[in-house]
Amino acid sequence: MMMRHVWIRGIMSLIWLVAAVVSGMAGSFEMAVLYVALSGVFLYSAYATWKKEKDDKGGK
C-alpha cells in the first residue's frame, strides 16, 4: 500500500503545475517559473519517497 503523503505530494505538484499554467496565461511569467519550480520540487519529493518505499519492500 502506497503512503498517503506520496499521493498528497503528487496532488500538490499537479496543483502548482496548474497554477503555473494559469499564471503563464495571465502574463505573469515570473510567477509561472516559480510555480513550475515548486511543482518540480514536490514531484521529485514524491518520486524519491515512492522509490525508497518500493526498494525497502523489495529487499525484505
Protein backbone atom coordinates (compact mmCIF):
# COMPACT_ATOMS: atom_id res chain seq x y z
CA MET A 1 0.00 0.00 0.00
CA MET A 2 1.38 3.37 -1.02
CA MET A 3 1.86 6.01 1.64
CA ARG A 4 -0.65 8.83 1.74
CA HIS A 5 1.95 11.58 1.78
CA VAL A 6 3.26 10.37 -1.60
CA TRP A 7 -0.23 10.87 -3.03
CA ILE A 8 -0.58 14.24 -1.33
CA ARG A 9 2.78 15.44 -2.70
CA GLY A 10 1.77 14.29 -6.17
CA ILE A 11 -1.52 16.15 -5.97
CA MET A 12 0.21 19.27 -4.66
CA SER A 13 2.60 19.05 -7.60
CA LEU A 14 -0.32 19.00 -10.03
CA ILE A 15 -1.92 21.97 -8.27
CA TRP A 16 1.31 24.00 -8.58
CA LEU A 17 1.55 23.00 -12.24
CA VAL A 18 -2.00 24.23 -12.88
CA ALA A 19 -1.14 27.47 -11.09
CA ALA A 20 1.89 27.83 -13.39
CA VAL A 21 -0.27 27.40 -16.48
CA VAL A 22 -2.82 29.92 -15.22
CA SER A 23 -0.09 32.42 -14.34
CA GLY A 24 1.54 31.95 -17.72
CA MET A 25 -1.76 32.56 -19.49
CA ALA A 26 -2.32 35.66 -17.35
CA GLY A 27 1.07 37.03 -18.38
CA SER A 28 2.88 36.69 -15.07
CA PHE A 29 5.81 34.68 -16.36
CA GLU A 30 7.98 35.20 -13.26
CA MET A 31 5.33 33.57 -11.08
CA ALA A 32 4.82 30.83 -13.66
CA VAL A 33 8.51 29.93 -13.42
CA LEU A 34 8.30 29.89 -9.63
CA TYR A 35 5.25 27.62 -9.73
CA VAL A 36 6.94 25.24 -12.17
CA ALA A 37 9.92 25.05 -9.83
CA LEU A 38 7.65 24.33 -6.84
CA SER A 39 5.83 21.69 -8.84
CA GLY A 40 9.14 20.05 -9.69
CA VAL A 41 10.24 20.01 -6.07
CA PHE A 42 7.01 18.38 -4.93
CA LEU A 43 7.12 15.87 -7.79
CA TYR A 44 10.73 14.96 -7.08
CA SER A 45 9.96 14.55 -3.38
CA ALA A 46 7.02 12.26 -4.12
CA TYR A 47 9.04 10.18 -6.57
CA ALA A 48 12.02 9.83 -4.23
CA THR A 49 9.79 8.72 -1.35
CA TRP A 50 7.89 6.28 -3.56
CA LYS A 51 11.14 4.84 -4.93
CA LYS A 52 12.60 4.44 -1.44
CA GLU A 53 9.46 2.70 -0.19
CA LYS A 54 9.45 0.41 -3.21
CA ASP A 55 13.12 -0.51 -2.68
CA ASP A 56 12.58 -1.11 1.04
CA LYS A 57 9.72 -3.53 0.37
CA GLY A 58 11.68 -5.35 -2.33
CA GLY A 59 14.60 -6.05 -0.02
CA LYS A 60 12.54 -7.66 2.72
